């Protein structure tokens, strides 16, 4: 029995993986904004849970964070820019690039997108530049948005691999029975001396 393997990969699977990724990224940004709103409306347990979840990824310093309703966001301004840039670029990704493309841009573009963030981060140590909420937000946004073009092709490739694995034909196991002559000629593990004598 032969199985048919499609020669053209349907676009629905990459679209499905993109939709899940975009939803997850948008949900993360929503949590960043939800934390101060929850704290301001008296839902302290929800706010505390969100702040605690993001504390492993961000220092959450108040002097480096935006505030909403009198409470800081769940992450600092730089991390907020990274999350927002990633989520918004990911939402617009199908308009910027085909979802069927698995090619990754040259690494130099990722390096160039990282340079402004590194400069904005390091120059204050030398007293040459005093970064602000806006500079941290913009440099983070640039890096987060650029990272999408390196992450999304990998997700698309995973969707293709999942399809190939699913459509791969399963080989049927074959069994060969030995003839009675071969079975009778096979040596026995029992020795005559081990057979008890009946008296």
N, C-alpha and C. Protein backbone atom coordinates (compact mmCIF):
# COMPACT_ATOMS: atom_id res chain seq x y z
N UNK A 1 0.86 -1.20 0.00
CA UNK A 1 0.00 0.00 0.00
C UNK A 1 0.88 1.24 0.00
N UNK A 2 0.74 2.11 -0.96
CA UNK A 2 1.57 3.31 -1.06
C UNK A 2 0.85 4.50 -0.46
N UNK A 3 1.64 5.37 0.18
CA UNK A 3 1.07 6.58 0.78
C UNK A 3 1.47 7.78 -0.03
N UNK A 4 0.59 8.74 -0.14
CA UNK A 4 0.83 9.92 -0.95
C UNK A 4 1.47 11.01 -0.11
N UNK A 5 2.58 11.57 -0.57
CA UNK A 5 3.25 12.67 0.10
C UNK A 5 3.07 13.92 -0.73
N UNK A 6 2.45 14.97 -0.20
CA UNK A 6 2.21 16.17 -0.99
C UNK A 6 3.52 16.84 -1.37
N UNK A 7 3.60 17.31 -2.63
CA UNK A 7 4.79 17.98 -3.11
C UNK A 7 4.81 19.45 -2.72
N UNK A 8 3.66 20.05 -2.50
CA UNK A 8 3.56 21.45 -2.11
C UNK A 8 3.06 21.52 -0.68
N UNK A 9 3.84 22.16 0.18
CA UNK A 9 3.44 22.27 1.58
C UNK A 9 2.35 23.32 1.71
N UNK A 10 1.23 22.99 2.31
CA UNK A 10 0.15 23.97 2.43
C UNK A 10 0.55 25.12 3.35
N UNK A 11 -0.02 26.30 3.10
CA UNK A 11 0.32 27.48 3.88
C UNK A 11 -0.42 27.52 5.21
N UNK A 12 -1.38 26.68 5.40
CA UNK A 12 -2.16 26.73 6.63
C UNK A 12 -1.31 26.42 7.85
N UNK A 13 -0.40 25.46 7.72
CA UNK A 13 0.40 25.07 8.88
C UNK A 13 1.33 26.20 9.34
N UNK A 14 2.12 26.84 8.46
CA UNK A 14 2.91 28.00 8.92
C UNK A 14 2.03 29.13 9.46
N UNK A 15 0.87 29.31 8.86
CA UNK A 15 -0.05 30.34 9.34
C UNK A 15 -0.54 30.02 10.74
N UNK A 16 -0.80 28.75 10.99
CA UNK A 16 -1.25 28.32 12.30
C UNK A 16 -0.15 28.55 13.35
N UNK A 17 1.09 28.19 13.01
CA UNK A 17 2.20 28.38 13.94
C UNK A 17 2.45 29.87 14.17
N UNK A 18 2.32 30.68 13.12
CA UNK A 18 2.49 32.13 13.30
C UNK A 18 1.41 32.68 14.21
N UNK A 19 0.16 32.24 14.02
CA UNK A 19 -0.95 32.74 14.85
C UNK A 19 -0.72 32.42 16.32
N UNK A 20 -0.25 31.22 16.60
CA UNK A 20 0.03 30.85 18.00
C UNK A 20 1.14 31.71 18.57
N UNK A 21 2.20 31.90 17.79
CA UNK A 21 3.34 32.71 18.25
C UNK A 21 2.94 34.16 18.48
N UNK A 22 2.18 34.72 17.54
CA UNK A 22 1.75 36.11 17.67
C UNK A 22 0.82 36.29 18.87
N UNK A 23 -0.05 35.32 19.10
CA UNK A 23 -0.95 35.38 20.25
C UNK A 23 -0.17 35.32 21.55
N UNK A 24 0.82 34.43 21.61
CA UNK A 24 1.63 34.30 22.82
C UNK A 24 2.42 35.57 23.09
N UNK A 25 3.03 36.15 22.05
CA UNK A 25 3.80 37.39 22.23
C UNK A 25 2.91 38.54 22.66
N UNK A 26 1.73 38.62 22.08
CA UNK A 26 0.78 39.68 22.46
C UNK A 26 0.31 39.50 23.89
N UNK A 27 0.15 38.26 24.30
CA UNK A 27 -0.29 37.99 25.67
C UNK A 27 0.78 38.42 26.68
N UNK A 28 2.05 38.24 26.32
CA UNK A 28 3.13 38.68 27.20
C UNK A 28 3.10 40.19 27.38
N UNK A 29 2.91 40.93 26.28
CA UNK A 29 2.81 42.39 26.35
C UNK A 29 1.60 42.80 27.18
N UNK A 30 0.50 42.08 27.03
CA UNK A 30 -0.70 42.36 27.81
C UNK A 30 -0.44 42.18 29.30
N UNK A 31 0.33 41.16 29.65
CA UNK A 31 0.66 40.94 31.07
C UNK A 31 1.51 42.08 31.62
N UNK A 32 2.42 42.58 30.79
CA UNK A 32 3.26 43.70 31.21
C UNK A 32 2.41 44.90 31.59
N UNK A 33 1.35 45.14 30.82
CA UNK A 33 0.45 46.27 31.09
C UNK A 33 -0.59 45.94 32.16
N UNK A 34 -0.90 44.67 32.29
CA UNK A 34 -1.93 44.27 33.25
C UNK A 34 -1.46 44.38 34.69
N UNK A 35 -0.19 44.18 34.92
CA UNK A 35 0.34 44.20 36.29
C UNK A 35 0.03 45.51 37.02
N UNK A 36 0.36 46.68 36.47
CA UNK A 36 0.02 47.91 37.21
C UNK A 36 -1.47 48.17 37.30
N UNK A 37 -2.22 47.76 36.28
CA UNK A 37 -3.67 47.94 36.33
C UNK A 37 -4.27 47.08 37.45
N UNK A 38 -3.79 45.85 37.56
CA UNK A 38 -4.27 44.96 38.63
C UNK A 38 -3.90 45.51 39.99
N UNK A 39 -2.71 46.06 40.11
CA UNK A 39 -2.29 46.63 41.40
C UNK A 39 -3.11 47.86 41.75
N UNK A 40 -3.45 48.66 40.74
CA UNK A 40 -4.22 49.88 41.00
C UNK A 40 -5.67 49.59 41.33
N UNK A 41 -6.19 48.49 40.86
CA UNK A 41 -7.60 48.16 41.10
C UNK A 41 -7.80 47.21 42.27
N UNK A 42 -6.75 46.97 43.03
CA UNK A 42 -6.87 46.15 44.22
C UNK A 42 -6.69 44.66 44.03
N UNK A 43 -6.35 44.23 42.83
CA UNK A 43 -6.10 42.80 42.59
C UNK A 43 -4.61 42.51 42.83
N UNK A 44 -4.25 42.60 44.10
CA UNK A 44 -2.84 42.52 44.46
C UNK A 44 -2.23 41.13 44.19
N UNK A 45 -3.02 40.09 44.35
CA UNK A 45 -2.48 38.75 44.13
C UNK A 45 -2.13 38.54 42.66
N UNK A 46 -2.99 39.03 41.77
CA UNK A 46 -2.70 38.91 40.34
C UNK A 46 -1.47 39.74 39.99
N UNK A 47 -1.43 40.97 40.50
CA UNK A 47 -0.29 41.85 40.22
C UNK A 47 1.00 41.24 40.76
N UNK A 48 0.97 40.72 41.97
CA UNK A 48 2.16 40.12 42.55
C UNK A 48 2.63 38.92 41.74
N UNK A 49 1.69 38.12 41.27
CA UNK A 49 2.06 36.95 40.46
C UNK A 49 2.74 37.35 39.16
N UNK A 50 2.23 38.40 38.52
CA UNK A 50 2.83 38.86 37.26
C UNK A 50 4.21 39.46 37.50
N UNK A 51 4.32 40.31 38.52
CA UNK A 51 5.62 40.90 38.84
C UNK A 51 6.65 39.82 39.16
N UNK A 52 6.22 38.84 39.90
CA UNK A 52 7.14 37.77 40.29
C UNK A 52 7.57 36.94 39.07
N UNK A 53 6.65 36.71 38.13
CA UNK A 53 6.99 35.93 36.94
C UNK A 53 8.03 36.65 36.09
N UNK A 54 7.92 37.98 35.97
CA UNK A 54 8.86 38.73 35.15
C UNK A 54 10.15 39.08 35.89
N UNK A 55 10.17 38.89 37.20
CA UNK A 55 11.36 39.25 37.97
C UNK A 55 12.57 38.40 37.60
N UNK A 56 12.33 37.20 37.07
CA UNK A 56 13.45 36.35 36.66
C UNK A 56 14.11 36.84 35.38
N UNK A 57 13.43 37.73 34.64
CA UNK A 57 13.94 38.21 33.36
C UNK A 57 14.31 39.68 33.37
N UNK A 58 13.90 40.42 34.38
CA UNK A 58 14.11 41.86 34.41
C UNK A 58 14.38 42.33 35.83
N UNK A 59 15.21 43.38 35.97
CA UNK A 59 15.53 43.91 37.30
C UNK A 59 14.35 44.68 37.90
N UNK A 60 13.45 45.20 37.05
CA UNK A 60 12.23 45.89 37.47
C UNK A 60 12.50 47.10 38.37
N UNK A 61 13.60 47.80 38.12
CA UNK A 61 13.91 48.99 38.92
C UNK A 61 12.89 50.10 38.63
N UNK A 62 12.31 50.68 39.67
CA UNK A 62 11.29 51.73 39.45
C UNK A 62 11.83 52.93 38.68
N UNK A 63 13.08 53.31 38.95
CA UNK A 63 13.64 54.49 38.28
C UNK A 63 13.92 54.25 36.80
N UNK A 64 13.81 53.01 36.35
CA UNK A 64 14.02 52.69 34.94
C UNK A 64 12.76 52.09 34.30
N UNK A 65 11.63 52.34 34.90
CA UNK A 65 10.39 51.74 34.42
C UNK A 65 9.34 52.81 34.18
N UNK A 66 8.47 52.54 33.24
CA UNK A 66 7.29 53.37 33.03
C UNK A 66 6.25 53.02 34.08
N UNK A 67 5.37 53.99 34.37
CA UNK A 67 4.32 53.78 35.36
C UNK A 67 2.96 53.93 34.70
N UNK A 68 2.02 53.14 35.18
CA UNK A 68 0.65 53.19 34.70
C UNK A 68 -0.27 53.12 35.90
N UNK A 69 -1.16 54.08 36.04
CA UNK A 69 -2.06 54.16 37.19
C UNK A 69 -1.30 54.18 38.51
N UNK A 70 -0.15 54.83 38.51
CA UNK A 70 0.62 54.96 39.74
C UNK A 70 1.47 53.75 40.09
N UNK A 71 1.51 52.76 39.24
CA UNK A 71 2.30 51.55 39.49
C UNK A 71 3.18 51.27 38.28
N UNK A 72 4.38 50.75 38.54
CA UNK A 72 5.31 50.49 37.44
C UNK A 72 4.85 49.30 36.61
N UNK A 73 5.28 49.29 35.36
CA UNK A 73 5.00 48.14 34.50
C UNK A 73 5.72 46.91 35.04
N UNK A 74 5.37 45.77 34.51
CA UNK A 74 5.96 44.52 35.01
C UNK A 74 7.43 44.40 34.67
N UNK A 75 7.91 45.18 33.68
CA UNK A 75 9.31 45.15 33.29
C UNK A 75 9.80 46.59 33.11
N UNK A 76 11.11 46.74 33.00
CA UNK A 76 11.69 48.07 32.81
C UNK A 76 11.39 48.57 31.40
N UNK A 77 11.78 49.82 31.13
CA UNK A 77 11.48 50.42 29.83
C UNK A 77 12.19 49.71 28.68
N UNK A 78 13.43 49.23 28.93
CA UNK A 78 14.16 48.54 27.86
C UNK A 78 13.50 47.20 27.53
N UNK A 79 13.16 46.44 28.56
CA UNK A 79 12.49 45.15 28.32
C UNK A 79 11.11 45.36 27.71
N UNK A 80 10.43 46.42 28.13
CA UNK A 80 9.12 46.74 27.53
C UNK A 80 9.27 46.99 26.04
N UNK A 81 10.36 47.69 25.65
CA UNK A 81 10.61 47.92 24.23
C UNK A 81 10.89 46.63 23.48
N UNK A 82 11.66 45.74 24.10
CA UNK A 82 11.97 44.46 23.45
C UNK A 82 10.69 43.65 23.23
N UNK A 83 9.87 43.53 24.27
CA UNK A 83 8.63 42.75 24.16
C UNK A 83 7.67 43.39 23.15
N UNK A 84 7.53 44.71 23.22
CA UNK A 84 6.61 45.39 22.31
C UNK A 84 7.10 45.30 20.87
N UNK A 85 8.40 45.50 20.66
CA UNK A 85 8.95 45.40 19.32
C UNK A 85 8.79 44.02 18.73
N UNK A 86 9.02 43.01 19.55
CA UNK A 86 8.88 41.64 19.08
C UNK A 86 7.43 41.34 18.73
N UNK A 87 6.50 41.70 19.62
CA UNK A 87 5.09 41.38 19.41
C UNK A 87 4.51 42.12 18.21
N UNK A 88 4.79 43.41 18.09
CA UNK A 88 4.22 44.18 16.99
C UNK A 88 4.80 43.77 15.64
N UNK A 89 6.11 43.50 15.61
CA UNK A 89 6.71 43.04 14.35
C UNK A 89 6.21 41.66 13.98
N UNK A 90 6.01 40.83 14.98
CA UNK A 90 5.49 39.49 14.71
C UNK A 90 4.07 39.55 14.17
N UNK A 91 3.26 40.46 14.68
CA UNK A 91 1.90 40.62 14.17
C UNK A 91 1.91 41.08 12.71
N UNK A 92 2.88 41.90 12.37
CA UNK A 92 2.96 42.42 10.99
C UNK A 92 3.80 41.53 10.08
N UNK A 93 4.35 40.46 10.60
CA UNK A 93 5.29 39.63 9.84
C UNK A 93 4.72 39.12 8.50
N UNK A 94 3.48 38.62 8.45
CA UNK A 94 2.96 38.14 7.15
C UNK A 94 2.89 39.22 6.09
N UNK A 95 2.82 40.49 6.50
CA UNK A 95 2.80 41.59 5.55
C UNK A 95 4.21 41.96 5.09
N UNK A 96 5.21 41.57 5.87
CA UNK A 96 6.59 41.93 5.57
C UNK A 96 7.37 40.82 4.87
N UNK A 97 6.94 39.58 5.11
CA UNK A 97 7.68 38.44 4.57
C UNK A 97 6.75 37.25 4.45
N UNK A 98 7.05 36.39 3.49
CA UNK A 98 6.23 35.20 3.29
C UNK A 98 6.41 34.23 4.46
N UNK A 99 5.29 33.66 4.88
CA UNK A 99 5.34 32.68 5.97
C UNK A 99 5.95 31.36 5.53
N UNK A 100 6.14 31.19 4.24
CA UNK A 100 6.74 29.96 3.73
C UNK A 100 8.26 30.03 3.67
N UNK A 101 8.82 31.20 3.99
CA UNK A 101 10.26 31.40 3.91
C UNK A 101 10.93 30.95 5.20
N UNK A 102 11.94 30.10 5.05
CA UNK A 102 12.69 29.64 6.21
C UNK A 102 14.11 30.20 6.23
N UNK A 103 14.45 31.02 5.25
CA UNK A 103 15.79 31.61 5.19
C UNK A 103 15.93 32.69 6.25
N UNK A 104 17.07 32.71 6.91
CA UNK A 104 17.36 33.69 7.96
C UNK A 104 18.24 34.80 7.39
N UNK A 105 17.97 36.06 7.70
CA UNK A 105 18.84 37.14 7.20
C UNK A 105 20.27 36.99 7.71
N UNK A 106 21.17 37.72 7.12
CA UNK A 106 22.57 37.70 7.55
C UNK A 106 22.68 38.18 9.00
N UNK A 107 23.62 37.60 9.72
CA UNK A 107 23.77 37.93 11.14
C UNK A 107 24.16 39.38 11.39
N UNK A 108 24.73 40.02 10.38
CA UNK A 108 25.17 41.41 10.57
C UNK A 108 24.01 42.33 10.92
N UNK A 109 22.81 42.01 10.41
CA UNK A 109 21.66 42.86 10.71
C UNK A 109 21.26 42.73 12.18
N UNK A 110 21.39 41.55 12.73
CA UNK A 110 21.10 41.37 14.15
C UNK A 110 22.15 42.08 15.00
N UNK A 111 23.40 42.02 14.56
CA UNK A 111 24.47 42.73 15.27
C UNK A 111 24.24 44.23 15.22
N UNK A 112 23.88 44.75 14.04
CA UNK A 112 23.62 46.18 13.89
C UNK A 112 22.44 46.62 14.74
N UNK A 113 21.44 45.76 14.88
CA UNK A 113 20.28 46.10 15.71
C UNK A 113 20.62 46.07 17.19
N UNK A 114 21.65 45.32 17.55
CA UNK A 114 22.07 45.23 18.95
C UNK A 114 22.96 46.39 19.35
N UNK A 115 23.70 46.94 18.41
CA UNK A 115 24.66 48.01 18.71
C UNK A 115 24.04 49.22 19.41
N UNK A 116 22.92 49.76 18.93
CA UNK A 116 22.34 50.92 19.65
C UNK A 116 22.01 50.61 21.10
N UNK A 117 21.52 49.40 21.36
CA UNK A 117 21.21 49.02 22.73
C UNK A 117 22.48 48.95 23.57
N UNK A 118 23.55 48.38 23.01
CA UNK A 118 24.81 48.29 23.74
C UNK A 118 25.40 49.66 24.02
N UNK A 119 25.30 50.54 23.03
CA UNK A 119 25.81 51.90 23.21
C UNK A 119 25.01 52.62 24.28
N UNK A 120 23.69 52.51 24.20
CA UNK A 120 22.82 53.17 25.17
C UNK A 120 23.03 52.60 26.58
N UNK A 121 23.43 51.34 26.65
CA UNK A 121 23.64 50.69 27.94
C UNK A 121 25.01 51.02 28.54
N UNK A 122 26.03 51.12 27.68
CA UNK A 122 27.40 51.23 28.18
C UNK A 122 27.89 52.66 28.36
N UNK A 123 27.45 53.60 27.53
CA UNK A 123 27.99 54.96 27.60
C UNK A 123 27.75 55.66 28.94
N UNK A 124 26.64 55.43 29.62
CA UNK A 124 26.48 56.08 30.93
C UNK A 124 27.58 55.75 31.92
N UNK A 125 28.21 54.58 31.79
CA UNK A 125 29.29 54.22 32.71
C UNK A 125 30.50 55.14 32.55
N UNK A 126 30.66 55.70 31.36
CA UNK A 126 31.79 56.60 31.09
C UNK A 126 31.40 58.07 31.19
N UNK A 127 30.15 58.32 31.56
CA UNK A 127 29.69 59.69 31.70
C UNK A 127 29.51 60.42 30.39
N UNK A 128 29.45 59.70 29.30
CA UNK A 128 29.33 60.31 27.98
C UNK A 128 27.88 60.44 27.52
N UNK A 129 27.00 59.71 28.18
CA UNK A 129 25.61 59.69 27.74
C UNK A 129 24.72 59.32 28.91
N UNK A 130 23.63 60.00 29.05
CA UNK A 130 22.66 59.67 30.09
C UNK A 130 21.40 59.15 29.40
N UNK A 131 21.23 57.83 29.44
CA UNK A 131 20.08 57.27 28.74
C UNK A 131 18.78 57.61 29.48
N UNK A 132 17.71 57.53 28.76
CA UNK A 132 16.39 57.87 29.29
C UNK A 132 15.43 56.71 29.07
N UNK A 133 14.23 56.86 29.57
CA UNK A 133 13.20 55.86 29.32
C UNK A 133 12.98 55.70 27.82
N UNK A 134 12.99 56.83 27.12
CA UNK A 134 12.72 56.79 25.67
C UNK A 134 13.85 56.09 24.92
N UNK A 135 15.10 56.40 25.25
CA UNK A 135 16.22 55.76 24.55
C UNK A 135 16.25 54.26 24.84
N UNK A 136 15.95 53.88 26.06
CA UNK A 136 15.93 52.45 26.39
C UNK A 136 14.78 51.75 25.67
N UNK A 137 13.63 52.43 25.58
CA UNK A 137 12.48 51.84 24.90
C UNK A 137 12.75 51.65 23.41
N UNK A 138 13.33 52.67 22.77
CA UNK A 138 13.56 52.61 21.33
C UNK A 138 14.61 51.56 20.97
N UNK A 139 15.72 51.54 21.71
CA UNK A 139 16.77 50.56 21.41
C UNK A 139 16.28 49.14 21.67
N UNK A 140 15.47 48.97 22.71
CA UNK A 140 14.89 47.65 22.97
C UNK A 140 13.91 47.26 21.89
N UNK A 141 13.10 48.21 21.44
CA UNK A 141 12.13 47.95 20.38
C UNK A 141 12.84 47.52 19.10
N UNK A 142 13.94 48.18 18.77
CA UNK A 142 14.69 47.85 17.56
C UNK A 142 15.23 46.42 17.62
N UNK A 143 15.78 46.04 18.76
CA UNK A 143 16.31 44.69 18.89
C UNK A 143 15.20 43.65 18.87
N UNK A 144 14.12 43.91 19.58
CA UNK A 144 13.00 42.96 19.61
C UNK A 144 12.37 42.78 18.25
N UNK A 145 12.21 43.87 17.51
CA UNK A 145 11.63 43.77 16.18
C UNK A 145 12.52 43.02 15.21
N UNK A 146 13.82 43.25 15.30
CA UNK A 146 14.76 42.56 14.41
C UNK A 146 14.82 41.08 14.72
N UNK A 147 14.72 40.73 15.99
CA UNK A 147 14.83 39.32 16.39
C UNK A 147 13.74 38.46 15.76
N UNK A 148 12.61 39.06 15.43
CA UNK A 148 11.51 38.30 14.82
C UNK A 148 11.95 37.64 13.52
N UNK A 149 12.76 38.32 12.74
CA UNK A 149 13.18 37.79 11.44
C UNK A 149 14.18 36.64 11.56
N UNK A 150 14.64 36.39 12.78
CA UNK A 150 15.52 35.26 13.03
C UNK A 150 14.79 34.13 13.77
N UNK A 151 13.74 34.49 14.49
CA UNK A 151 12.97 33.49 15.24
C UNK A 151 11.88 32.87 14.39
N UNK A 152 11.15 33.71 13.65
CA UNK A 152 10.00 33.21 12.88
C UNK A 152 10.39 32.21 11.80
N UNK A 153 11.48 32.38 11.06
CA UNK A 153 11.86 31.33 10.10
C UNK A 153 12.10 29.98 10.76
N UNK A 154 12.63 29.99 11.98
CA UNK A 154 12.80 28.73 12.69
C UNK A 154 11.48 28.09 13.06
N UNK A 155 10.50 28.91 13.43
CA UNK A 155 9.17 28.39 13.75
C UNK A 155 8.51 27.82 12.50
N UNK A 156 8.68 28.51 11.37
CA UNK A 156 8.14 28.02 10.11
C UNK A 156 8.79 26.69 9.74
N UNK A 157 10.10 26.60 9.93
CA UNK A 157 10.81 25.36 9.63
C UNK A 157 10.31 24.22 10.51
N UNK A 158 10.02 24.51 11.77
CA UNK A 158 9.45 23.48 12.65
C UNK A 158 8.10 23.01 12.15
N UNK A 159 7.31 23.93 11.62
CA UNK A 159 6.00 23.54 11.10
C UNK A 159 6.16 22.63 9.88
N UNK A 160 7.15 22.90 9.03
CA UNK A 160 7.41 22.05 7.88
C UNK A 160 7.89 20.67 8.32
N UNK A 161 8.76 20.64 9.32
CA UNK A 161 9.28 19.36 9.81
C UNK A 161 8.18 18.52 10.42
N UNK A 162 7.28 19.18 11.15
CA UNK A 162 6.15 18.46 11.74
C UNK A 162 5.28 17.84 10.66
N UNK A 163 5.11 18.56 9.55
CA UNK A 163 4.30 18.03 8.44
C UNK A 163 5.00 16.86 7.77
N UNK A 164 6.33 16.98 7.57
CA UNK A 164 7.06 15.89 6.94
C UNK A 164 7.06 14.65 7.81
N UNK A 165 7.18 14.83 9.12
CA UNK A 165 7.16 13.69 10.03
C UNK A 165 5.81 13.01 10.02
N UNK A 166 4.76 13.83 9.93
CA UNK A 166 3.41 13.28 9.95
C UNK A 166 3.09 12.53 8.66
N UNK A 167 3.61 13.04 7.52
CA UNK A 167 3.30 12.44 6.23
C UNK A 167 4.26 11.33 5.84
N UNK A 168 5.27 11.07 6.65
CA UNK A 168 6.25 10.04 6.32
C UNK A 168 5.59 8.67 6.41
N UNK A 169 5.69 7.84 5.35
CA UNK A 169 5.05 6.53 5.40
C UNK A 169 5.68 5.62 6.44
N UNK A 170 4.84 4.87 7.09
CA UNK A 170 5.31 3.93 8.10
C UNK A 170 5.53 2.58 7.44
N UNK A 171 6.73 2.07 7.57
CA UNK A 171 7.05 0.79 6.96
C UNK A 171 6.36 -0.34 7.71
N UNK A 172 5.81 -1.25 6.94
CA UNK A 172 5.10 -2.37 7.54
C UNK A 172 6.10 -3.45 7.92
N UNK A 173 5.89 -3.99 9.10
CA UNK A 173 6.77 -5.06 9.58
C UNK A 173 6.44 -6.36 8.86
N UNK A 174 7.48 -7.08 8.50
CA UNK A 174 7.31 -8.36 7.82
C UNK A 174 7.84 -9.47 8.69
N UNK A 175 7.13 -10.58 8.70
CA UNK A 175 7.51 -11.73 9.50
C UNK A 175 7.66 -12.93 8.57
N UNK A 176 8.68 -13.72 8.82
CA UNK A 176 8.93 -14.93 8.05
C UNK A 176 8.89 -16.12 8.99
N UNK A 177 8.01 -17.05 8.70
CA UNK A 177 7.90 -18.24 9.53
C UNK A 177 8.85 -19.31 9.01
N UNK A 178 9.52 -19.93 9.93
CA UNK A 178 10.43 -21.02 9.54
C UNK A 178 9.64 -22.26 9.18
N UNK A 179 10.19 -23.02 8.26
CA UNK A 179 9.52 -24.25 7.85
C UNK A 179 9.62 -25.29 8.95
N UNK A 180 8.69 -26.27 8.97
CA UNK A 180 8.73 -27.31 10.01
C UNK A 180 10.03 -28.08 10.00
N UNK A 181 10.65 -28.28 8.80
CA UNK A 181 11.90 -29.03 8.75
C UNK A 181 13.00 -28.31 9.52
N UNK A 182 13.06 -26.95 9.39
CA UNK A 182 14.08 -26.20 10.09
C UNK A 182 13.83 -26.18 11.59
N UNK A 183 12.55 -26.15 11.95
CA UNK A 183 12.22 -26.16 13.38
C UNK A 183 12.64 -27.47 13.99
N UNK A 184 12.39 -28.58 13.28
CA UNK A 184 12.75 -29.88 13.81
C UNK A 184 14.25 -30.08 13.89
N UNK A 185 15.01 -29.43 12.99
CA UNK A 185 16.45 -29.60 12.98
C UNK A 185 17.17 -28.66 13.93
N UNK A 186 16.44 -27.75 14.52
CA UNK A 186 17.09 -26.81 15.43
C UNK A 186 17.58 -27.51 16.67
N UNK A 187 18.77 -27.15 17.16
CA UNK A 187 19.30 -27.79 18.37
C UNK A 187 18.49 -27.42 19.60
N UNK A 188 18.43 -28.33 20.52
CA UNK A 188 17.68 -28.11 21.75
C UNK A 188 18.63 -27.69 22.86
N UNK A 189 18.12 -26.85 23.76
CA UNK A 189 18.92 -26.42 24.89
C UNK A 189 18.91 -27.44 26.02
N UNK A 190 18.03 -28.42 25.90
CA UNK A 190 17.93 -29.43 26.95
C UNK A 190 18.92 -30.56 26.68
N UNK A 191 19.51 -31.05 27.67
CA UNK A 191 20.41 -32.19 27.57
C UNK A 191 19.69 -33.42 28.14
N UNK A 192 20.05 -34.56 27.56
CA UNK A 192 19.39 -35.79 28.00
C UNK A 192 19.64 -36.07 29.48
N UNK A 193 20.84 -35.64 29.91
CA UNK A 193 21.17 -35.94 31.31
C UNK A 193 20.34 -35.11 32.28
N UNK A 194 19.78 -34.00 31.77
CA UNK A 194 18.97 -33.17 32.67
C UNK A 194 17.53 -33.62 32.78
N UNK A 195 17.15 -34.61 31.94
CA UNK A 195 15.79 -35.11 32.01
C UNK A 195 15.67 -36.13 33.11
N UNK A 196 14.83 -35.96 34.08
CA UNK A 196 14.71 -36.94 35.20
C UNK A 196 14.20 -38.28 34.70
N UNK A 197 14.77 -39.29 35.23
CA UNK A 197 14.35 -40.65 34.86
C UNK A 197 13.16 -41.05 35.69
N UNK A 198 12.25 -41.73 35.01
CA UNK A 198 11.04 -42.21 35.70
C UNK A 198 11.24 -43.66 36.09
N UNK A 199 11.13 -43.89 37.35
CA UNK A 199 11.34 -45.26 37.85
C UNK A 199 10.01 -45.89 38.24
